[in-house]
Amino acid sequence: MAASVQQRIAIVTGYNNRGVQPQELGTLDPNRHLLTTAECLVEISFITDPLDEIRLFDINYKKQLSEAITLGIIDFLQRSLN
């Protein structure tokens, strides 16, 4: 799922798709959910990029980001059901 969401987010943000970076994060701790639960943490901006602050105030940009996340999840689900 993370790869699907990452691919969609990269299109909207214009950033290079550097792929999924697996990490041990508390929010994704397998002890906090079923092992069969799909999960990912999406980082949609870089604090080092001043343009991101401006873009994150734009309602249309935020809508594009939310649609990209939604489409990434749909992509994942469609592949999983086939």
PDB file of N, CA and C in Angstrom:
ATOM      1  N   MET A   1       0.821  -1.177   0.000  1.00  0.00           N
ATOM      2  CA  MET A   1       0.000   0.000   0.000  1.00  0.00           C
ATOM      3  C   MET A   1       0.875   1.254   0.000  1.00  0.00           C
ATOM      4  N   ALA A   2       1.933   1.237   0.774  1.00  0.00           N
ATOM      5  CA  ALA A   2       2.797   2.408   0.868  1.00  0.00           C
ATOM      6  C   ALA A   2       3.370   2.798  -0.499  1.00  0.00           C
ATOM      7  N   ALA A   3       3.759   1.819  -1.293  1.00  0.00           N
ATOM      8  CA  ALA A   3       4.317   2.113  -2.619  1.00  0.00           C
ATOM      9  C   ALA A   3       3.268   2.746  -3.532  1.00  0.00           C
ATOM     10  N   SER A   4       2.031   2.278  -3.437  1.00  0.00           N
ATOM     11  CA  SER A   4       0.955   2.840  -4.252  1.00  0.00           C
ATOM     12  C   SER A   4       0.680   4.289  -3.867  1.00  0.00           C
ATOM     13  N   VAL A   5       0.614   4.550  -2.576  1.00  0.00           N
ATOM     14  CA  VAL A   5       0.367   5.914  -2.099  1.00  0.00           C
ATOM     15  C   VAL A   5       1.548   6.813  -2.462  1.00  0.00           C
ATOM     16  N   GLN A   6       2.770   6.307  -2.277  1.00  0.00           N
ATOM     17  CA  GLN A   6       3.967   7.088  -2.598  1.00  0.00           C
ATOM     18  C   GLN A   6       3.988   7.499  -4.060  1.00  0.00           C
ATOM     19  N   GLN A   7       3.633   6.574  -4.931  1.00  0.00           N
ATOM     20  CA  GLN A   7       3.623   6.873  -6.359  1.00  0.00           C
ATOM     21  C   GLN A   7       2.638   7.994  -6.680  1.00  0.00           C
ATOM     22  N   ARG A   8       1.460   7.926  -6.103  1.00  0.00           N
ATOM     23  CA  ARG A   8       0.443   8.966  -6.344  1.00  0.00           C
ATOM     24  C   ARG A   8       0.846  10.315  -5.739  1.00  0.00           C
ATOM     25  N   ILE A   9       1.411  10.302  -4.543  1.00  0.00           N
ATOM     26  CA  ILE A   9       1.834  11.541  -3.883  1.00  0.00           C
ATOM     27  C   ILE A   9       2.961  12.215  -4.662  1.00  0.00           C
ATOM     28  N   ALA A  10       3.884  11.433  -5.200  1.00  0.00           N
ATOM     29  CA  ALA A  10       5.010  11.996  -5.961  1.00  0.00           C
ATOM     30  C   ALA A  10       4.509  12.771  -7.179  1.00  0.00           C
ATOM     31  N   ILE A  11       3.439  12.304  -7.787  1.00  0.00           N
ATOM     32  CA  ILE A  11       2.884  13.009  -8.943  1.00  0.00           C
ATOM     33  C   ILE A  11       2.372  14.385  -8.534  1.00  0.00           C
ATOM     34  N   VAL A  12       1.674  14.457  -7.417  1.00  0.00           N
ATOM     35  CA  VAL A  12       1.090  15.724  -6.962  1.00  0.00           C
ATOM     36  C   VAL A  12       2.158  16.696  -6.471  1.00  0.00           C
ATOM     37  N   THR A  13       3.104  16.201  -5.678  1.00  0.00           N
ATOM     38  CA  THR A  13       4.102  17.092  -5.081  1.00  0.00           C
ATOM     39  C   THR A  13       5.188  17.514  -6.062  1.00  0.00           C
ATOM     40  N   GLY A  14       5.429  16.668  -7.059  1.00  0.00           N
ATOM     41  CA  GLY A  14       6.512  16.959  -7.994  1.00  0.00           C
ATOM     42  C   GLY A  14       7.870  16.530  -7.473  1.00  0.00           C
ATOM     43  N   TYR A  15       7.911  15.949  -6.280  1.00  0.00           N
ATOM     44  CA  TYR A  15       9.179  15.461  -5.740  1.00  0.00           C
ATOM     45  C   TYR A  15       9.534  14.131  -6.385  1.00  0.00           C
ATOM     46  N   ASN A  16      10.820  13.824  -6.435  1.00  0.00           N
ATOM     47  CA  ASN A  16      11.258  12.524  -6.935  1.00  0.00           C
ATOM     48  C   ASN A  16      10.704  11.433  -6.028  1.00  0.00           C
ATOM     49  N   ASN A  17      10.255  10.364  -6.635  1.00  0.00           N
ATOM     50  CA  ASN A  17       9.782   9.223  -5.870  1.00  0.00           C
ATOM     51  C   ASN A  17      11.002   8.440  -5.420  1.00  0.00           C
ATOM     52  N   ARG A  18      11.350   8.593  -4.165  1.00  0.00           N
ATOM     53  CA  ARG A  18      12.521   7.901  -3.616  1.00  0.00           C
ATOM     54  C   ARG A  18      12.150   6.541  -3.043  1.00  0.00           C
ATOM     55  N   GLY A  19      10.928   6.117  -3.304  1.00  0.00           N
ATOM     56  CA  GLY A  19      10.479   4.809  -2.852  1.00  0.00           C
ATOM     57  C   GLY A  19      10.065   4.809  -1.397  1.00  0.00           C
ATOM     58  N   VAL A  20       9.665   3.665  -0.971  1.00  0.00           N
ATOM     59  CA  VAL A  20       9.219   3.470   0.404  1.00  0.00           C
ATOM     60  C   VAL A  20      10.430   3.225   1.285  1.00  0.00           C
ATOM     61  N   GLN A  21      10.430   3.843   2.449  1.00  0.00           N
ATOM     62  CA  GLN A  21      11.533   3.700   3.401  1.00  0.00           C
ATOM     63  C   GLN A  21      11.021   2.948   4.629  1.00  0.00           C
ATOM     64  N   PRO A  22      11.153   1.627   4.658  1.00  0.00           N
ATOM     65  CA  PRO A  22      10.665   0.870   5.821  1.00  0.00           C
ATOM     66  C   PRO A  22      11.398   1.286   7.095  1.00  0.00           C
ATOM     67  N   GLN A  23      10.638   1.529   8.149  1.00  0.00           N
ATOM     68  CA  GLN A  23      11.219   1.912   9.427  1.00  0.00           C
ATOM     69  C   GLN A  23      10.334   1.395  10.555  1.00  0.00           C
ATOM     70  N   GLU A  24      10.919   1.257  11.713  1.00  0.00           N
ATOM     71  CA  GLU A  24      10.172   0.885  12.910  1.00  0.00           C
ATOM     72  C   GLU A  24       9.657   2.182  13.541  1.00  0.00           C
ATOM     73  N   LEU A  25       8.360   2.413  13.415  1.00  0.00           N
ATOM     74  CA  LEU A  25       7.740   3.606  13.972  1.00  0.00           C
ATOM     75  C   LEU A  25       6.641   3.196  14.942  1.00  0.00           C
ATOM     76  N   GLY A  26       6.507   3.912  16.024  1.00  0.00           N
ATOM     77  CA  GLY A  26       5.499   3.580  17.025  1.00  0.00           C
ATOM     78  C   GLY A  26       4.094   3.539  16.468  1.00  0.00           C
ATOM     79  N   THR A  27       3.786   4.431  15.547  1.00  0.00           N
ATOM     80  CA  THR A  27       2.435   4.470  14.981  1.00  0.00           C
ATOM     81  C   THR A  27       2.144   3.250  14.121  1.00  0.00           C
ATOM     82  N   LEU A  28       3.174   2.584  13.641  1.00  0.00           N
ATOM     83  CA  LEU A  28       3.004   1.410  12.793  1.00  0.00           C
ATOM     84  C   LEU A  28       3.368   0.126  13.524  1.00  0.00           C
ATOM     85  N   ASP A  29       3.424   0.182  14.832  1.00  0.00           N
ATOM     86  CA  ASP A  29       3.808  -0.971  15.653  1.00  0.00           C
ATOM     87  C   ASP A  29       2.805  -2.112  15.470  1.00  0.00           C
ATOM     88  N   PRO A  30       3.254  -3.279  15.004  1.00  0.00           N
ATOM     89  CA  PRO A  30       2.347  -4.411  14.781  1.00  0.00           C
ATOM     90  C   PRO A  30       1.604  -4.845  16.047  1.00  0.00           C
ATOM     91  N   ASN A  31       2.124  -4.521  17.210  1.00  0.00           N
ATOM     92  CA  ASN A  31       1.452  -4.883  18.459  1.00  0.00           C
ATOM     93  C   ASN A  31       0.224  -4.027  18.724  1.00  0.00           C
ATOM     94  N   ARG A  32       0.035  -2.989  17.927  1.00  0.00           N
ATOM     95  CA  ARG A  32      -1.098  -2.077  18.134  1.00  0.00           C
ATOM     96  C   ARG A  32      -2.247  -2.335  17.173  1.00  0.00           C
ATOM     97  N   HIS A  33      -2.129  -3.337  16.302  1.00  0.00           N
ATOM     98  CA  HIS A  33      -3.181  -3.634  15.336  1.00  0.00           C
ATOM     99  C   HIS A  33      -3.029  -5.067  14.848  1.00  0.00           C
ATOM    100  N   LEU A  34      -3.997  -5.520  14.072  1.00  0.00           N
ATOM    101  CA  LEU A  34      -3.913  -6.868  13.508  1.00  0.00           C
ATOM    102  C   LEU A  34      -2.755  -6.946  12.517  1.00  0.00           C
ATOM    103  N   LEU A  35      -2.111  -8.069  12.458  1.00  0.00           N
ATOM    104  CA  LEU A  35      -0.978  -8.242  11.546  1.00  0.00           C
ATOM    105  C   LEU A  35      -1.392  -8.144  10.083  1.00  0.00           C
ATOM    106  N   THR A  36      -2.651  -8.363   9.781  1.00  0.00           N
ATOM    107  CA  THR A  36      -3.136  -8.292   8.405  1.00  0.00           C
ATOM    108  C   THR A  36      -3.558  -6.880   8.000  1.00  0.00           C
ATOM    109  N   THR A  37      -3.383  -5.923   8.882  1.00  0.00           N
ATOM    110  CA  THR A  37      -3.766  -4.539   8.597  1.00  0.00           C
ATOM    111  C   THR A  37      -2.737  -3.880   7.684  1.00  0.00           C
ATOM    112  N   ALA A  38      -3.221  -3.323   6.570  1.00  0.00           N
ATOM    113  CA  ALA A  38      -2.328  -2.551   5.687  1.00  0.00           C
ATOM    114  C   ALA A  38      -2.112  -1.188   6.332  1.00  0.00           C
ATOM    115  N   GLU A  39      -0.894  -0.674   6.233  1.00  0.00           N
ATOM    116  CA  GLU A  39      -0.582   0.589   6.901  1.00  0.00           C
ATOM    117  C   GLU A  39       0.557   1.301   6.202  1.00  0.00           C
ATOM    118  N   CYS A  40       0.545   2.608   6.321  1.00  0.00           N
ATOM    119  CA  CYS A  40       1.682   3.413   5.874  1.00  0.00           C
ATOM    120  C   CYS A  40       1.580   4.787   6.497  1.00  0.00           C
ATOM    121  N   LEU A  41       2.694   5.435   6.603  1.00  0.00           N
ATOM    122  CA  LEU A  41       2.783   6.798   7.094  1.00  0.00           C
ATOM    123  C   LEU A  41       3.184   7.660   5.908  1.00  0.00           C
ATOM    124  N   VAL A  42       2.407   8.691   5.616  1.00  0.00           N
ATOM    125  CA  VAL A  42       2.641   9.511   4.432  1.00  0.00           C
ATOM    126  C   VAL A  42       3.236  10.849   4.844  1.00  0.00           C
ATOM    127  N   GLU A  43       4.413  11.154   4.330  1.00  0.00           N
ATOM    128  CA  GLU A  43       5.010  12.470   4.524  1.00  0.00           C
ATOM    129  C   GLU A  43       4.768  13.255   3.244  1.00  0.00           C
ATOM    130  N   ILE A  44       4.044  14.348   3.362  1.00  0.00           N
ATOM    131  CA  ILE A  44       3.610  15.074   2.166  1.00  0.00           C
ATOM    132  C   ILE A  44       4.394  16.348   1.900  1.00  0.00           C
ATOM    133  N   SER A  45       5.328  16.679   2.775  1.00  0.00           N
ATOM    134  CA  SER A  45       6.110  17.895   2.541  1.00  0.00           C
ATOM    135  C   SER A  45       7.456  17.786   3.242  1.00  0.00           C
ATOM    136  N   PHE A  46       8.330  18.712   2.894  1.00  0.00           N
ATOM    137  CA  PHE A  46       9.645  18.787   3.517  1.00  0.00           C
ATOM    138  C   PHE A  46       9.763  20.121   4.256  1.00  0.00           C
ATOM    139  N   ILE A  47      10.108  20.076   5.511  1.00  0.00           N
ATOM    140  CA  ILE A  47      10.232  21.291   6.314  1.00  0.00           C
ATOM    141  C   ILE A  47      11.338  22.204   5.776  1.00  0.00           C
ATOM    142  N   THR A  48      12.261  21.632   5.026  1.00  0.00           N
ATOM    143  CA  THR A  48      13.368  22.421   4.480  1.00  0.00           C
ATOM    144  C   THR A  48      12.993  23.169   3.201  1.00  0.00           C
ATOM    145  N   ASP A  49      11.803  22.932   2.683  1.00  0.00           N
ATOM    146  CA  ASP A  49      11.364  23.576   1.444  1.00  0.00           C
ATOM    147  C   ASP A  49      10.350  24.675   1.759  1.00  0.00           C
ATOM    148  N   PRO A  50      10.748  25.950   1.674  1.00  0.00           N
ATOM    149  CA  PRO A  50       9.838  27.051   1.999  1.00  0.00           C
ATOM    150  C   PRO A  50       8.589  27.075   1.118  1.00  0.00           C
ATOM    151  N   LEU A  51       8.688  26.548  -0.095  1.00  0.00           N
ATOM    152  CA  LEU A  51       7.536  26.502  -0.986  1.00  0.00           C
ATOM    153  C   LEU A  51       6.439  25.596  -0.430  1.00  0.00           C
ATOM    154  N   ASP A  52       6.828  24.556   0.294  1.00  0.00           N
ATOM    155  CA  ASP A  52       5.838  23.651   0.860  1.00  0.00           C
ATOM    156  C   ASP A  52       4.896  24.357   1.828  1.00  0.00           C
ATOM    157  N   GLU A  53       5.416  25.255   2.629  1.00  0.00           N
ATOM    158  CA  GLU A  53       4.555  25.984   3.567  1.00  0.00           C
ATOM    159  C   GLU A  53       3.477  26.748   2.812  1.00  0.00           C
ATOM    160  N   ILE A  54       3.853  27.382   1.742  1.00  0.00           N
ATOM    161  CA  ILE A  54       2.892  28.139   0.932  1.00  0.00           C
ATOM    162  C   ILE A  54       1.875  27.189   0.305  1.00  0.00           C
ATOM    163  N   ARG A  55       2.366  26.089  -0.260  1.00  0.00           N
ATOM    164  CA  ARG A  55       1.460  25.140  -0.917  1.00  0.00           C
ATOM    165  C   ARG A  55       0.484  24.502   0.066  1.00  0.00           C
ATOM    166  N   LEU A  56       0.909  24.277   1.307  1.00  0.00           N
ATOM    167  CA  LEU A  56       0.040  23.635   2.282  1.00  0.00           C
ATOM    168  C   LEU A  56      -1.092  24.539   2.764  1.00  0.00           C
ATOM    169  N   PHE A  57      -1.030  25.814   2.452  1.00  0.00           N
ATOM    170  CA  PHE A  57      -2.141  26.719   2.751  1.00  0.00           C
ATOM    171  C   PHE A  57      -3.151  26.763   1.613  1.00  0.00           C
ATOM    172  N   ASP A  58      -2.827  26.166   0.491  1.00  0.00           N
ATOM    173  CA  ASP A  58      -3.693  26.170  -0.690  1.00  0.00           C
ATOM    174  C   ASP A  58      -4.693  25.013  -0.599  1.00  0.00           C
ATOM    175  N   ILE A  59      -5.978  25.328  -0.522  1.00  0.00           N
ATOM    176  CA  ILE A  59      -7.010  24.308  -0.374  1.00  0.00           C
ATOM    177  C   ILE A  59      -7.027  23.338  -1.548  1.00  0.00           C
ATOM    178  N   ASN A  60      -6.767  23.822  -2.746  1.00  0.00           N
ATOM    179  CA  ASN A  60      -6.753  22.940  -3.918  1.00  0.00           C
ATOM    180  C   ASN A  60      -5.595  21.953  -3.853  1.00  0.00           C
ATOM    181  N   TYR A  61      -4.450  22.412  -3.369  1.00  0.00           N
ATOM    182  CA  TYR A  61      -3.290  21.521  -3.224  1.00  0.00           C
ATOM    183  C   TYR A  61      -3.587  20.438  -2.188  1.00  0.00           C
ATOM    184  N   LYS A  62      -4.200  20.830  -1.070  1.00  0.00           N
ATOM    185  CA  LYS A  62      -4.546  19.847  -0.046  1.00  0.00           C
ATOM    186  C   LYS A  62      -5.566  18.848  -0.575  1.00  0.00           C
ATOM    187  N   LYS A  63      -6.468  19.316  -1.414  1.00  0.00           N
ATOM    188  CA  LYS A  63      -7.442  18.405  -2.031  1.00  0.00           C
ATOM    189  C   LYS A  63      -6.719  17.420  -2.953  1.00  0.00           C
ATOM    190  N   GLN A  64      -5.752  17.900  -3.718  1.00  0.00           N
ATOM    191  CA  GLN A  64      -4.981  17.015  -4.598  1.00  0.00           C
ATOM    192  C   GLN A  64      -4.226  15.960  -3.784  1.00  0.00           C
ATOM    193  N   LEU A  65      -3.658  16.378  -2.655  1.00  0.00           N
ATOM    194  CA  LEU A  65      -2.941  15.433  -1.792  1.00  0.00           C
ATOM    195  C   LEU A  65      -3.882  14.365  -1.246  1.00  0.00           C
ATOM    196  N   SER A  66      -5.047  14.795  -0.773  1.00  0.00           N
ATOM    197  CA  SER A  66      -5.992  13.820  -0.215  1.00  0.00           C
ATOM    198  C   SER A  66      -6.499  12.872  -1.293  1.00  0.00           C
ATOM    199  N   GLU A  67      -6.708  13.381  -2.496  1.00  0.00           N
ATOM    200  CA  GLU A  67      -7.134  12.519  -3.602  1.00  0.00           C
ATOM    201  C   GLU A  67      -6.030  11.529  -3.985  1.00  0.00           C
ATOM    202  N   ALA A  68      -4.778  11.985  -3.936  1.00  0.00           N
ATOM    203  CA  ALA A  68      -3.657  11.098  -4.253  1.00  0.00           C
ATOM    204  C   ALA A  68      -3.559   9.956  -3.246  1.00  0.00           C
ATOM    205  N   ILE A  69      -3.741  10.263  -1.971  1.00  0.00           N
ATOM    206  CA  ILE A  69      -3.706   9.222  -0.941  1.00  0.00           C
ATOM    207  C   ILE A  69      -4.856   8.244  -1.162  1.00  0.00           C
ATOM    208  N   THR A  70      -6.041   8.785  -1.424  1.00  0.00           N
ATOM    209  CA  THR A  70      -7.208   7.932  -1.673  1.00  0.00           C
ATOM    210  C   THR A  70      -6.989   7.026  -2.879  1.00  0.00           C
ATOM    211  N   LEU A  71      -6.494   7.584  -3.970  1.00  0.00           N
ATOM    212  CA  LEU A  71      -6.255   6.788  -5.179  1.00  0.00           C
ATOM    213  C   LEU A  71      -5.172   5.731  -4.954  1.00  0.00           C
ATOM    214  N   GLY A  72      -4.165   6.060  -4.160  1.00  0.00           N
ATOM    215  CA  GLY A  72      -3.131   5.084  -3.832  1.00  0.00           C
ATOM    216  C   GLY A  72      -3.700   3.901  -3.071  1.00  0.00           C
ATOM    217  N   ILE A  73      -4.609   4.179  -2.141  1.00  0.00           N
ATOM    218  CA  ILE A  73      -5.256   3.106  -1.386  1.00  0.00           C
ATOM    219  C   ILE A  73      -6.134   2.273  -2.313  1.00  0.00           C
ATOM    220  N   ILE A  74      -6.885   2.946  -3.193  1.00  0.00           N
ATOM    221  CA  ILE A  74      -7.728   2.226  -4.156  1.00  0.00           C
ATOM    222  C   ILE A  74      -6.881   1.349  -5.065  1.00  0.00           C
ATOM    223  N   ASP A  75      -5.766   1.881  -5.568  1.00  0.00           N
ATOM    224  CA  ASP A  75      -4.854   1.080  -6.390  1.00  0.00           C
ATOM    225  C   ASP A  75      -4.439  -0.192  -5.667  1.00  0.00           C
ATOM    226  N   PHE A  76      -4.041  -0.025  -4.412  1.00  0.00           N
ATOM    227  CA  PHE A  76      -3.603  -1.162  -3.594  1.00  0.00           C
ATOM    228  C   PHE A  76      -4.729  -2.185  -3.441  1.00  0.00           C
ATOM    229  N   LEU A  77      -5.921  -1.713  -3.109  1.00  0.00           N
ATOM    230  CA  LEU A  77      -7.049  -2.620  -2.902  1.00  0.00           C
ATOM    231  C   LEU A  77      -7.420  -3.359  -4.187  1.00  0.00           C
ATOM    232  N   GLN A  78      -7.388  -2.664  -5.294  1.00  0.00           N
ATOM    233  CA  GLN A  78      -7.717  -3.323  -6.576  1.00  0.00           C
ATOM    234  C   GLN A  78      -6.712  -4.420  -6.900  1.00  0.00           C
ATOM    235  N   ARG A  79      -5.429  -4.151  -6.663  1.00  0.00           N
ATOM    236  CA  ARG A  79      -4.411  -5.185  -6.910  1.00  0.00           C
ATOM    237  C   ARG A  79      -4.565  -6.348  -5.937  1.00  0.00           C
ATOM    238  N   SER A  80      -4.948  -6.046  -4.704  1.00  0.00           N
ATOM    239  CA  SER A  80      -5.091  -7.098  -3.685  1.00  0.00           C
ATOM    240  C   SER A  80      -6.277  -8.011  -3.966  1.00  0.00           C
ATOM    241  N   LEU A  81      -7.309  -7.477  -4.594  1.00  0.00           N
ATOM    242  CA  LEU A  81      -8.504  -8.257  -4.864  1.00  0.00           C
ATOM    243  C   LEU A  81      -8.385  -9.104  -6.126  1.00  0.00           C
ATOM    244  N   ASN A  82      -7.382  -8.832  -6.939  1.00  0.00           N
ATOM    245  CA  ASN A  82      -7.205  -9.606  -8.173  1.00  0.00           C
ATOM    246  C   ASN A  82      -6.365 -10.815  -7.984  1.00  0.00           C
TER     247      ASN A  82
END
